[in-house]
Amino acid sequence: MTWLIFSFAALLLTVSYGLVSKKALNNEEKNLDSIAYASATFIIVGIVTLLISFLTDFSTNDFLALVDPNIAGLLILNLLFYTIAPSFYYPALKKLPLSIVIIIYSLSGFFTFIIGTLFNQNSFTYASLFGSLLIFLSVIIVTLRGRDLKISRYIPLVVVSTIFYSAAATIDQRLIGHFSTSFYLGFTFGIPGVLLLIVNRVPWDKIRQPYLPKNYLAVFFYGLFASTSFYCVFMAFRTGGTAASVYSILATEAVVSVVASAIFLHERKHMFTKIIAALIASLGVYLLIS
């Protein structure tokens, strides 16, 4: 049952770094630029996971894979997707309640399934179709509430980000076998972390904000929680957990995040509607991965 402990740890850590991000971006005293913050957290996660790689599962095959022409093209495309996705996600996270963002982000399961099916990585089932419809229903529910809150113009940003995250996740499935897990995670976080600043032309005064004494703890804890979360998922697989069982637990993220947001971020408006939408989204994700 060790895999079960690692799976629940990954779930709680995932929810935790979402809370840390939202709290940091909402803090008026910190005055953090969303892209600069995303870049800093990505770079920290990249550094930490690369260090884990060098201490655990690193091999020379990782460097050989980087220069393999059959792999390099997909890897470059994936780095681009992992740069574009947070360019939409974090500005939306700064403006939208975390509880709404997480529910809409459930669409990533649907988009990953569709893209994987198109490239023959997934097989179509009626359960997956029903799961997709449930996810769409949950998004429609929070979108309608978003209109009440006059924040609906940020919702498309989250949807676009999920498409790019989903495309990147589909490519991950093809590339991860050529690298050690922690090295691949470190590389696909660290490089986009730098590219985010270049693509979005973030000025230096904003780039340095996350590293100021008043801000660096938020970046540090995000990096710590995120890195440990990814490591726990990896360890859950290594200790006997199957993809279906581990991701079934992670699928409850929407529900846990909605409750945690109400407790720690005081996002209690339309609470009943959010919980219903989160339950529907979690069930939809579960059906997609089952």
C-alpha atoms as a PDB file:
ATOM      1  CA  MET A   1       0.000   0.000   0.000  1.00  0.00           C
ATOM      2  CA  THR A   2       3.060   2.250  -0.181  1.00  0.00           C
ATOM      3  CA  TRP A   3       1.926   3.485  -3.586  1.00  0.00           C
ATOM      4  CA  LEU A   4      -1.311   4.688  -1.987  1.00  0.00           C
ATOM      5  CA  ILE A   5       0.599   6.863   0.504  1.00  0.00           C
ATOM      6  CA  PHE A   6       2.700   8.381  -2.289  1.00  0.00           C
ATOM      7  CA  SER A   7      -0.434   9.010  -4.379  1.00  0.00           C
ATOM      8  CA  PHE A   8      -2.244  10.884  -1.595  1.00  0.00           C
ATOM      9  CA  ALA A   9       0.947  12.808  -0.828  1.00  0.00           C
ATOM     10  CA  ALA A  10       1.156  13.862  -4.486  1.00  0.00           C
ATOM     11  CA  LEU A  11      -2.493  14.982  -4.385  1.00  0.00           C
ATOM     12  CA  LEU A  12      -2.029  17.121  -1.269  1.00  0.00           C
ATOM     13  CA  LEU A  13       1.213  18.624  -2.576  1.00  0.00           C
ATOM     14  CA  THR A  14      -0.426  19.467  -5.920  1.00  0.00           C
ATOM     15  CA  VAL A  15      -3.248  21.273  -4.133  1.00  0.00           C
ATOM     16  CA  SER A  16      -0.690  22.995  -1.882  1.00  0.00           C
ATOM     17  CA  TYR A  17       1.373  24.532  -4.678  1.00  0.00           C
ATOM     18  CA  GLY A  18      -1.822  25.736  -6.319  1.00  0.00           C
ATOM     19  CA  LEU A  19      -2.741  27.522  -3.093  1.00  0.00           C
ATOM     20  CA  VAL A  20       0.764  28.979  -2.760  1.00  0.00           C
ATOM     21  CA  SER A  21       0.645  30.340  -6.315  1.00  0.00           C
ATOM     22  CA  LYS A  22      -2.772  31.934  -5.954  1.00  0.00           C
ATOM     23  CA  LYS A  23      -1.929  33.479  -2.589  1.00  0.00           C
ATOM     24  CA  ALA A  24       1.355  34.897  -3.937  1.00  0.00           C
ATOM     25  CA  LEU A  25      -0.233  36.345  -7.087  1.00  0.00           C
ATOM     26  CA  ASN A  26      -3.095  37.900  -5.098  1.00  0.00           C
ATOM     27  CA  ASN A  27      -0.818  39.574  -2.571  1.00  0.00           C
ATOM     28  CA  GLU A  28      -0.831  43.296  -3.370  1.00  0.00           C
ATOM     29  CA  GLU A  29       2.292  43.912  -1.302  1.00  0.00           C
ATOM     30  CA  LYS A  30       4.273  41.383  -3.317  1.00  0.00           C
ATOM     31  CA  ASN A  31       3.011  42.906  -6.603  1.00  0.00           C
ATOM     32  CA  LEU A  32       4.231  39.897  -8.568  1.00  0.00           C
ATOM     33  CA  ASP A  33       4.055  39.767 -12.353  1.00  0.00           C
ATOM     34  CA  SER A  34       2.302  36.498 -13.250  1.00  0.00           C
ATOM     35  CA  ILE A  35       4.758  35.529 -16.013  1.00  0.00           C
ATOM     36  CA  ALA A  36       7.833  36.409 -13.954  1.00  0.00           C
ATOM     37  CA  TYR A  37       6.428  34.331 -11.084  1.00  0.00           C
ATOM     38  CA  ALA A  38       5.694  31.387 -13.389  1.00  0.00           C
ATOM     39  CA  SER A  39       9.213  31.599 -14.803  1.00  0.00           C
ATOM     40  CA  ALA A  40      10.841  31.657 -11.373  1.00  0.00           C
ATOM     41  CA  THR A  41       8.818  28.676 -10.130  1.00  0.00           C
ATOM     42  CA  PHE A  42       9.528  26.676 -13.295  1.00  0.00           C
ATOM     43  CA  ILE A  43      13.254  27.360 -12.992  1.00  0.00           C
ATOM     44  CA  ILE A  44      13.263  26.324  -9.324  1.00  0.00           C
ATOM     45  CA  VAL A  45      11.373  23.100 -10.098  1.00  0.00           C
ATOM     46  CA  GLY A  46      13.767  22.433 -12.990  1.00  0.00           C
ATOM     47  CA  ILE A  47      16.843  22.871 -10.810  1.00  0.00           C
ATOM     48  CA  VAL A  48      15.489  20.739  -7.953  1.00  0.00           C
ATOM     49  CA  THR A  49      14.365  17.862 -10.188  1.00  0.00           C
ATOM     50  CA  LEU A  50      17.656  17.899 -12.105  1.00  0.00           C
ATOM     51  CA  LEU A  51      19.488  17.643  -8.786  1.00  0.00           C
ATOM     52  CA  ILE A  52      17.242  14.702  -7.860  1.00  0.00           C
ATOM     53  CA  SER A  53      18.091  13.165 -11.228  1.00  0.00           C
ATOM     54  CA  PHE A  54      21.833  13.450 -10.720  1.00  0.00           C
ATOM     55  CA  LEU A  55      21.454  11.856  -7.275  1.00  0.00           C
ATOM     56  CA  THR A  56      19.141   9.017  -8.353  1.00  0.00           C
ATOM     57  CA  ASP A  57      18.390   7.875 -11.900  1.00  0.00           C
ATOM     58  CA  PHE A  58      20.607   9.977 -14.210  1.00  0.00           C
ATOM     59  CA  SER A  59      22.533   8.211 -16.987  1.00  0.00           C
ATOM     60  CA  THR A  60      24.557   9.237 -20.042  1.00  0.00           C
ATOM     61  CA  ASN A  61      21.612   8.075 -22.170  1.00  0.00           C
ATOM     62  CA  ASP A  62      19.837  11.286 -21.131  1.00  0.00           C
ATOM     63  CA  PHE A  63      22.407  13.428 -22.943  1.00  0.00           C
ATOM     64  CA  LEU A  64      22.485  11.055 -25.925  1.00  0.00           C
ATOM     65  CA  ALA A  65      18.696  11.353 -26.259  1.00  0.00           C
ATOM     66  CA  LEU A  66      18.953  15.151 -26.365  1.00  0.00           C
ATOM     67  CA  VAL A  67      21.034  15.030 -29.556  1.00  0.00           C
ATOM     68  CA  ASP A  68      19.096  12.212 -31.210  1.00  0.00           C
ATOM     69  CA  PRO A  69      17.507  13.764 -34.359  1.00  0.00           C
ATOM     70  CA  ASN A  70      14.484  11.456 -34.004  1.00  0.00           C
ATOM     71  CA  ILE A  71      13.792  12.869 -30.534  1.00  0.00           C
ATOM     72  CA  ALA A  72      15.039  16.458 -30.758  1.00  0.00           C
ATOM     73  CA  GLY A  73      12.205  17.685 -33.017  1.00  0.00           C
ATOM     74  CA  LEU A  74       9.451  16.484 -30.677  1.00  0.00           C
ATOM     75  CA  LEU A  75      11.363  17.750 -27.660  1.00  0.00           C
ATOM     76  CA  ILE A  76      11.675  21.257 -29.119  1.00  0.00           C
ATOM     77  CA  LEU A  77       7.950  21.253 -29.951  1.00  0.00           C
ATOM     78  CA  ASN A  78       7.177  20.157 -26.401  1.00  0.00           C
ATOM     79  CA  LEU A  79       9.340  22.892 -24.890  1.00  0.00           C
ATOM     80  CA  LEU A  80       7.411  25.377 -27.025  1.00  0.00           C
ATOM     81  CA  PHE A  81       4.060  24.031 -25.782  1.00  0.00           C
ATOM     82  CA  TYR A  82       5.270  24.180 -22.180  1.00  0.00           C
ATOM     83  CA  THR A  83       6.194  27.810 -22.776  1.00  0.00           C
ATOM     84  CA  ILE A  84       2.920  28.849 -24.408  1.00  0.00           C
ATOM     85  CA  ALA A  85       0.602  27.102 -21.909  1.00  0.00           C
ATOM     86  CA  PRO A  86       1.703  28.983 -18.756  1.00  0.00           C
ATOM     87  CA  SER A  87       1.746  32.232 -20.756  1.00  0.00           C
ATOM     88  CA  PHE A  88      -2.054  31.929 -20.752  1.00  0.00           C
ATOM     89  CA  TYR A  89      -2.581  30.030 -17.490  1.00  0.00           C
ATOM     90  CA  TYR A  90      -0.826  32.243 -14.947  1.00  0.00           C
ATOM     91  CA  PRO A  91      -2.316  35.597 -16.055  1.00  0.00           C
ATOM     92  CA  ALA A  92      -5.730  33.927 -15.763  1.00  0.00           C
ATOM     93  CA  LEU A  93      -4.855  32.463 -12.360  1.00  0.00           C
ATOM     94  CA  LYS A  94      -3.997  35.955 -11.133  1.00  0.00           C
ATOM     95  CA  LYS A  95      -7.534  37.171 -11.962  1.00  0.00           C
ATOM     96  CA  LEU A  96      -9.741  34.112 -11.508  1.00  0.00           C
ATOM     97  CA  PRO A  97     -10.572  32.268  -8.273  1.00  0.00           C
ATOM     98  CA  LEU A  98      -8.379  29.144  -7.954  1.00  0.00           C
ATOM     99  CA  SER A  99     -11.478  27.009  -7.397  1.00  0.00           C
ATOM    100  CA  ILE A 100     -12.809  27.993 -10.849  1.00  0.00           C
ATOM    101  CA  VAL A 101      -9.438  27.624 -12.595  1.00  0.00           C
ATOM    102  CA  ILE A 102      -8.960  24.066 -11.298  1.00  0.00           C
ATOM    103  CA  ILE A 103     -12.395  22.957 -12.500  1.00  0.00           C
ATOM    104  CA  ILE A 104     -11.824  24.423 -15.975  1.00  0.00           C
ATOM    105  CA  TYR A 105      -8.354  22.843 -16.011  1.00  0.00           C
ATOM    106  CA  SER A 106     -10.102  19.455 -15.861  1.00  0.00           C
ATOM    107  CA  LEU A 107     -10.569  19.972 -19.606  1.00  0.00           C
ATOM    108  CA  SER A 108      -6.914  18.956 -19.960  1.00  0.00           C
ATOM    109  CA  GLY A 109      -8.003  15.351 -19.418  1.00  0.00           C
ATOM    110  CA  PHE A 110     -10.462  15.656 -22.286  1.00  0.00           C
ATOM    111  CA  PHE A 111      -8.009  17.359 -24.644  1.00  0.00           C
ATOM    112  CA  THR A 112      -5.269  14.851 -23.795  1.00  0.00           C
ATOM    113  CA  PHE A 113      -7.660  12.018 -24.581  1.00  0.00           C
ATOM    114  CA  ILE A 114      -8.733  13.566 -27.908  1.00  0.00           C
ATOM    115  CA  ILE A 115      -5.165  14.309 -29.041  1.00  0.00           C
ATOM    116  CA  GLY A 116      -4.000  10.867 -27.899  1.00  0.00           C
ATOM    117  CA  THR A 117      -6.859   9.200 -29.798  1.00  0.00           C
ATOM    118  CA  LEU A 118      -6.022  11.110 -32.984  1.00  0.00           C
ATOM    119  CA  PHE A 119      -2.420   9.864 -32.746  1.00  0.00           C
ATOM    120  CA  ASN A 120      -3.475   6.309 -31.815  1.00  0.00           C
ATOM    121  CA  GLN A 121      -2.254   6.576 -28.210  1.00  0.00           C
ATOM    122  CA  ASN A 122      -5.726   6.060 -26.712  1.00  0.00           C
ATOM    123  CA  SER A 123      -8.663   3.856 -27.628  1.00  0.00           C
ATOM    124  CA  PHE A 124     -12.188   5.263 -27.796  1.00  0.00           C
ATOM    125  CA  THR A 125     -14.740   3.968 -25.265  1.00  0.00           C
ATOM    126  CA  TYR A 126     -18.237   5.019 -24.268  1.00  0.00           C
ATOM    127  CA  ALA A 127     -16.945   5.620 -20.735  1.00  0.00           C
ATOM    128  CA  SER A 128     -14.427   8.149 -22.062  1.00  0.00           C
ATOM    129  CA  LEU A 129     -17.146   9.843 -24.120  1.00  0.00           C
ATOM    130  CA  PHE A 130     -19.398  10.128 -21.064  1.00  0.00           C
ATOM    131  CA  GLY A 131     -16.456  11.366 -18.999  1.00  0.00           C
ATOM    132  CA  SER A 132     -15.765  14.069 -21.576  1.00  0.00           C
ATOM    133  CA  LEU A 133     -19.379  15.226 -21.484  1.00  0.00           C
ATOM    134  CA  LEU A 134     -19.255  15.431 -17.679  1.00  0.00           C
ATOM    135  CA  ILE A 135     -16.130  17.586 -17.796  1.00  0.00           C
ATOM    136  CA  PHE A 136     -17.779  19.915 -20.302  1.00  0.00           C
ATOM    137  CA  LEU A 137     -20.836  20.108 -18.049  1.00  0.00           C
ATOM    138  CA  SER A 138     -18.702  21.109 -15.059  1.00  0.00           C
ATOM    139  CA  VAL A 139     -16.977  23.826 -17.103  1.00  0.00           C
ATOM    140  CA  ILE A 140     -20.326  25.163 -18.348  1.00  0.00           C
ATOM    141  CA  ILE A 141     -21.539  25.403 -14.744  1.00  0.00           C
ATOM    142  CA  VAL A 142     -18.566  27.477 -13.540  1.00  0.00           C
ATOM    143  CA  THR A 143     -18.520  29.523 -16.750  1.00  0.00           C
ATOM    144  CA  LEU A 144     -22.096  30.620 -16.142  1.00  0.00           C
ATOM    145  CA  ARG A 145     -21.118  31.574 -12.614  1.00  0.00           C
ATOM    146  CA  GLY A 146     -18.135  33.366 -14.089  1.00  0.00           C
ATOM    147  CA  ARG A 147     -20.494  35.616 -16.000  1.00  0.00           C
ATOM    148  CA  ASP A 148     -22.134  36.530 -12.710  1.00  0.00           C
ATOM    149  CA  LEU A 149     -18.715  37.415 -11.303  1.00  0.00           C
ATOM    150  CA  LYS A 150     -17.788  39.468 -14.401  1.00  0.00           C
ATOM    151  CA  ILE A 151     -14.615  37.418 -14.914  1.00  0.00           C
ATOM    152  CA  SER A 152     -15.650  35.347 -17.923  1.00  0.00           C
ATOM    153  CA  ARG A 153     -13.139  37.084 -20.231  1.00  0.00           C
ATOM    154  CA  TYR A 154     -10.307  35.265 -18.420  1.00  0.00           C
ATOM    155  CA  ILE A 155     -11.897  31.826 -18.717  1.00  0.00           C
ATOM    156  CA  PRO A 156     -10.854  31.349 -22.398  1.00  0.00           C
ATOM    157  CA  LEU A 157      -7.237  31.863 -21.312  1.00  0.00           C
ATOM    158  CA  VAL A 158      -7.467  28.810 -19.058  1.00  0.00           C
ATOM    159  CA  VAL A 159      -9.105  26.779 -21.836  1.00  0.00           C
ATOM    160  CA  VAL A 160      -6.350  27.693 -24.324  1.00  0.00           C
ATOM    161  CA  SER A 161      -3.681  26.819 -21.756  1.00  0.00           C
ATOM    162  CA  THR A 162      -5.243  23.375 -21.203  1.00  0.00           C
ATOM    163  CA  ILE A 163      -5.033  22.662 -24.950  1.00  0.00           C
ATOM    164  CA  PHE A 164      -1.293  23.352 -24.988  1.00  0.00           C
ATOM    165  CA  TYR A 165      -0.706  21.513 -21.713  1.00  0.00           C
ATOM    166  CA  SER A 166      -2.637  18.549 -23.125  1.00  0.00           C
ATOM    167  CA  ALA A 167      -0.622  18.544 -26.357  1.00  0.00           C
ATOM    168  CA  ALA A 168       2.576  18.642 -24.297  1.00  0.00           C
ATOM    169  CA  ALA A 169       1.350  15.769 -22.099  1.00  0.00           C
ATOM    170  CA  THR A 170       0.645  13.691 -25.210  1.00  0.00           C
ATOM    171  CA  ILE A 171       4.194  14.268 -26.446  1.00  0.00           C
ATOM    172  CA  ASP A 172       5.472  13.443 -22.947  1.00  0.00           C
ATOM    173  CA  GLN A 173       4.084   9.931 -23.349  1.00  0.00           C
ATOM    174  CA  ARG A 174       6.225   9.447 -26.454  1.00  0.00           C
ATOM    175  CA  LEU A 175       9.390  10.998 -25.060  1.00  0.00           C
ATOM    176  CA  ILE A 176       9.545   9.927 -21.409  1.00  0.00           C
ATOM    177  CA  GLY A 177      10.785   6.438 -22.296  1.00  0.00           C
ATOM    178  CA  HIS A 178      13.976   7.909 -23.771  1.00  0.00           C
ATOM    179  CA  PHE A 179      14.968   9.764 -20.589  1.00  0.00           C
ATOM    180  CA  SER A 180      15.195   9.165 -16.864  1.00  0.00           C
ATOM    181  CA  THR A 181      12.017  10.580 -15.340  1.00  0.00           C
ATOM    182  CA  SER A 182      13.484  13.277 -13.091  1.00  0.00           C
ATOM    183  CA  PHE A 183      15.940  14.475 -15.771  1.00  0.00           C
ATOM    184  CA  TYR A 184      13.093  14.854 -18.265  1.00  0.00           C
ATOM    185  CA  LEU A 185      10.936  16.743 -15.747  1.00  0.00           C
ATOM    186  CA  GLY A 186      13.824  19.051 -14.847  1.00  0.00           C
ATOM    187  CA  PHE A 187      14.597  19.766 -18.489  1.00  0.00           C
ATOM    188  CA  THR A 188      10.979  20.430 -19.503  1.00  0.00           C
ATOM    189  CA  PHE A 189      10.487  22.801 -16.578  1.00  0.00           C
ATOM    190  CA  GLY A 190      13.810  24.628 -16.521  1.00  0.00           C
ATOM    191  CA  ILE A 191      14.059  25.508 -20.237  1.00  0.00           C
ATOM    192  CA  PRO A 192      10.440  26.796 -20.561  1.00  0.00           C
ATOM    193  CA  GLY A 193      11.071  28.788 -17.383  1.00  0.00           C
ATOM    194  CA  VAL A 194      13.719  30.770 -19.235  1.00  0.00           C
ATOM    195  CA  LEU A 195      11.775  30.900 -22.515  1.00  0.00           C
ATOM    196  CA  LEU A 196       8.758  32.387 -20.729  1.00  0.00           C
ATOM    197  CA  LEU A 197      10.736  35.552 -20.037  1.00  0.00           C
ATOM    198  CA  ILE A 198      11.980  35.814 -23.625  1.00  0.00           C
ATOM    199  CA  VAL A 199       8.699  35.080 -25.414  1.00  0.00           C
ATOM    200  CA  ASN A 200       6.687  37.424 -23.188  1.00  0.00           C
ATOM    201  CA  ARG A 201       9.402  40.136 -23.182  1.00  0.00           C
ATOM    202  CA  VAL A 202       9.291  40.544 -19.433  1.00  0.00           C
ATOM    203  CA  PRO A 203      11.318  43.616 -18.316  1.00  0.00           C
ATOM    204  CA  TRP A 204      14.151  43.196 -15.819  1.00  0.00           C
ATOM    205  CA  ASP A 205      12.392  45.017 -12.969  1.00  0.00           C
ATOM    206  CA  LYS A 206       9.613  42.403 -13.106  1.00  0.00           C
ATOM    207  CA  ILE A 207      11.996  39.463 -13.642  1.00  0.00           C
ATOM    208  CA  ARG A 208      13.753  40.194 -10.358  1.00  0.00           C
ATOM    209  CA  GLN A 209      10.514  40.521  -8.333  1.00  0.00           C
ATOM    210  CA  PRO A 210      10.147  36.818  -7.392  1.00  0.00           C
ATOM    211  CA  TYR A 211      13.723  36.725  -6.101  1.00  0.00           C
ATOM    212  CA  LEU A 212      13.353  39.667  -3.717  1.00  0.00           C
ATOM    213  CA  PRO A 213      13.444  38.785   0.025  1.00  0.00           C
ATOM    214  CA  LYS A 214       9.720  39.506   0.426  1.00  0.00           C
ATOM    215  CA  ASN A 215       8.819  37.115  -2.412  1.00  0.00           C
ATOM    216  CA  TYR A 216      11.330  34.291  -2.596  1.00  0.00           C
ATOM    217  CA  LEU A 217       9.605  32.123   0.040  1.00  0.00           C
ATOM    218  CA  ALA A 218       6.516  31.777  -2.188  1.00  0.00           C
ATOM    219  CA  VAL A 219       8.730  30.697  -5.092  1.00  0.00           C
ATOM    220  CA  PHE A 220      10.722  28.345  -2.861  1.00  0.00           C
ATOM    221  CA  PHE A 221       7.659  26.614  -1.417  1.00  0.00           C
ATOM    222  CA  TYR A 222       6.084  26.261  -4.866  1.00  0.00           C
ATOM    223  CA  GLY A 223       9.277  24.616  -6.086  1.00  0.00           C
ATOM    224  CA  LEU A 224       9.455  22.384  -3.032  1.00  0.00           C
ATOM    225  CA  PHE A 225       5.807  21.272  -3.218  1.00  0.00           C
ATOM    226  CA  ALA A 226       5.786  20.826  -7.005  1.00  0.00           C
ATOM    227  CA  SER A 227       9.079  18.921  -7.167  1.00  0.00           C
ATOM    228  CA  THR A 228       8.063  16.640  -4.301  1.00  0.00           C
ATOM    229  CA  SER A 229       4.650  16.096  -5.888  1.00  0.00           C
ATOM    230  CA  PHE A 230       6.161  14.908  -9.177  1.00  0.00           C
ATOM    231  CA  TYR A 231       8.610  12.724  -7.255  1.00  0.00           C
ATOM    232  CA  CYS A 232       5.732  11.159  -5.262  1.00  0.00           C
ATOM    233  CA  VAL A 233       3.876  10.299  -8.477  1.00  0.00           C
ATOM    234  CA  PHE A 234       7.046   8.671  -9.792  1.00  0.00           C
ATOM    235  CA  MET A 235       7.508   6.725  -6.527  1.00  0.00           C
ATOM    236  CA  ALA A 236       3.843   5.647  -6.563  1.00  0.00           C
ATOM    237  CA  PHE A 237       4.480   3.931  -9.892  1.00  0.00           C
ATOM    238  CA  ARG A 238       7.741   2.403  -8.664  1.00  0.00           C
ATOM    239  CA  THR A 239       6.103   0.959  -5.540  1.00  0.00           C
ATOM    240  CA  GLY A 240       3.325  -0.889  -7.368  1.00  0.00           C
ATOM    241  CA  GLY A 241       0.716   1.697  -8.309  1.00  0.00           C
ATOM    242  CA  THR A 242      -0.843   1.425 -11.754  1.00  0.00           C
ATOM    243  CA  ALA A 243      -1.567   4.435 -13.958  1.00  0.00           C
ATOM    244  CA  ALA A 244      -5.311   3.928 -13.460  1.00  0.00           C
ATOM    245  CA  SER A 245      -5.097   3.654  -9.665  1.00  0.00           C
ATOM    246  CA  VAL A 246      -2.669   6.566  -9.139  1.00  0.00           C
ATOM    247  CA  TYR A 247      -4.457   8.961 -11.486  1.00  0.00           C
ATOM    248  CA  SER A 248      -7.829   7.993 -10.032  1.00  0.00           C
ATOM    249  CA  ILE A 249      -6.647   9.502  -6.757  1.00  0.00           C
ATOM    250  CA  LEU A 250      -5.162  12.549  -8.475  1.00  0.00           C
ATOM    251  CA  ALA A 251      -8.483  13.021 -10.298  1.00  0.00           C
ATOM    252  CA  THR A 252     -10.013  14.227  -7.027  1.00  0.00           C
ATOM    253  CA  GLU A 253      -7.830  17.359  -7.179  1.00  0.00           C
ATOM    254  CA  ALA A 254     -10.765  19.524  -8.275  1.00  0.00           C
ATOM    255  CA  VAL A 255     -12.839  18.648  -5.205  1.00  0.00           C
ATOM    256  CA  VAL A 256      -9.938  18.987  -2.751  1.00  0.00           C
ATOM    257  CA  SER A 257      -8.871  22.293  -4.321  1.00  0.00           C
ATOM    258  CA  VAL A 258     -12.363  23.774  -4.091  1.00  0.00           C
ATOM    259  CA  VAL A 259     -12.559  22.890  -0.386  1.00  0.00           C
ATOM    260  CA  ALA A 260      -8.989  24.084   0.282  1.00  0.00           C
ATOM    261  CA  SER A 261      -9.660  27.361  -1.561  1.00  0.00           C
ATOM    262  CA  ALA A 262     -12.683  27.998   0.621  1.00  0.00           C
ATOM    263  CA  ILE A 263     -10.663  27.364   3.783  1.00  0.00           C
ATOM    264  CA  PHE A 264      -7.360  29.080   2.973  1.00  0.00           C
ATOM    265  CA  LEU A 265      -8.293  31.640   0.299  1.00  0.00           C
ATOM    266  CA  HIS A 266     -11.856  32.404   1.459  1.00  0.00           C
ATOM    267  CA  GLU A 267     -13.284  31.629  -2.000  1.00  0.00           C
ATOM    268  CA  ARG A 268     -16.726  30.808  -0.662  1.00  0.00           C
ATOM    269  CA  LYS A 269     -18.988  32.536  -3.158  1.00  0.00           C
ATOM    270  CA  HIS A 270     -21.197  30.043  -5.059  1.00  0.00           C
ATOM    271  CA  MET A 271     -19.617  27.288  -2.921  1.00  0.00           C
ATOM    272  CA  PHE A 272     -22.361  24.721  -3.482  1.00  0.00           C
ATOM    273  CA  THR A 273     -22.212  25.177  -7.250  1.00  0.00           C
ATOM    274  CA  LYS A 274     -18.409  24.848  -7.254  1.00  0.00           C
ATOM    275  CA  ILE A 275     -18.499  21.624  -5.235  1.00  0.00           C
ATOM    276  CA  ILE A 276     -21.099  20.100  -7.560  1.00  0.00           C
ATOM    277  CA  ALA A 277     -19.033  21.139 -10.605  1.00  0.00           C
ATOM    278  CA  ALA A 278     -15.849  19.777  -8.997  1.00  0.00           C
ATOM    279  CA  LEU A 279     -17.508  16.426  -8.239  1.00  0.00           C
ATOM    280  CA  ILE A 280     -18.781  16.200 -11.822  1.00  0.00           C
ATOM    281  CA  ALA A 281     -15.332  17.108 -13.196  1.00  0.00           C
ATOM    282  CA  SER A 282     -13.601  14.551 -10.958  1.00  0.00           C
ATOM    283  CA  LEU A 283     -15.998  11.823 -12.080  1.00  0.00           C
ATOM    284  CA  GLY A 284     -15.403  12.825 -15.708  1.00  0.00           C
ATOM    285  CA  VAL A 285     -11.612  12.635 -15.279  1.00  0.00           C
ATOM    286  CA  TYR A 286     -11.963   9.269 -13.542  1.00  0.00           C
ATOM    287  CA  LEU A 287     -13.977   7.869 -16.460  1.00  0.00           C
ATOM    288  CA  LEU A 288     -11.380   9.163 -18.919  1.00  0.00           C
ATOM    289  CA  ILE A 289      -8.501   7.385 -17.202  1.00  0.00           C
ATOM    290  CA  SER A 290     -10.342   4.206 -16.199  1.00  0.00           C
END
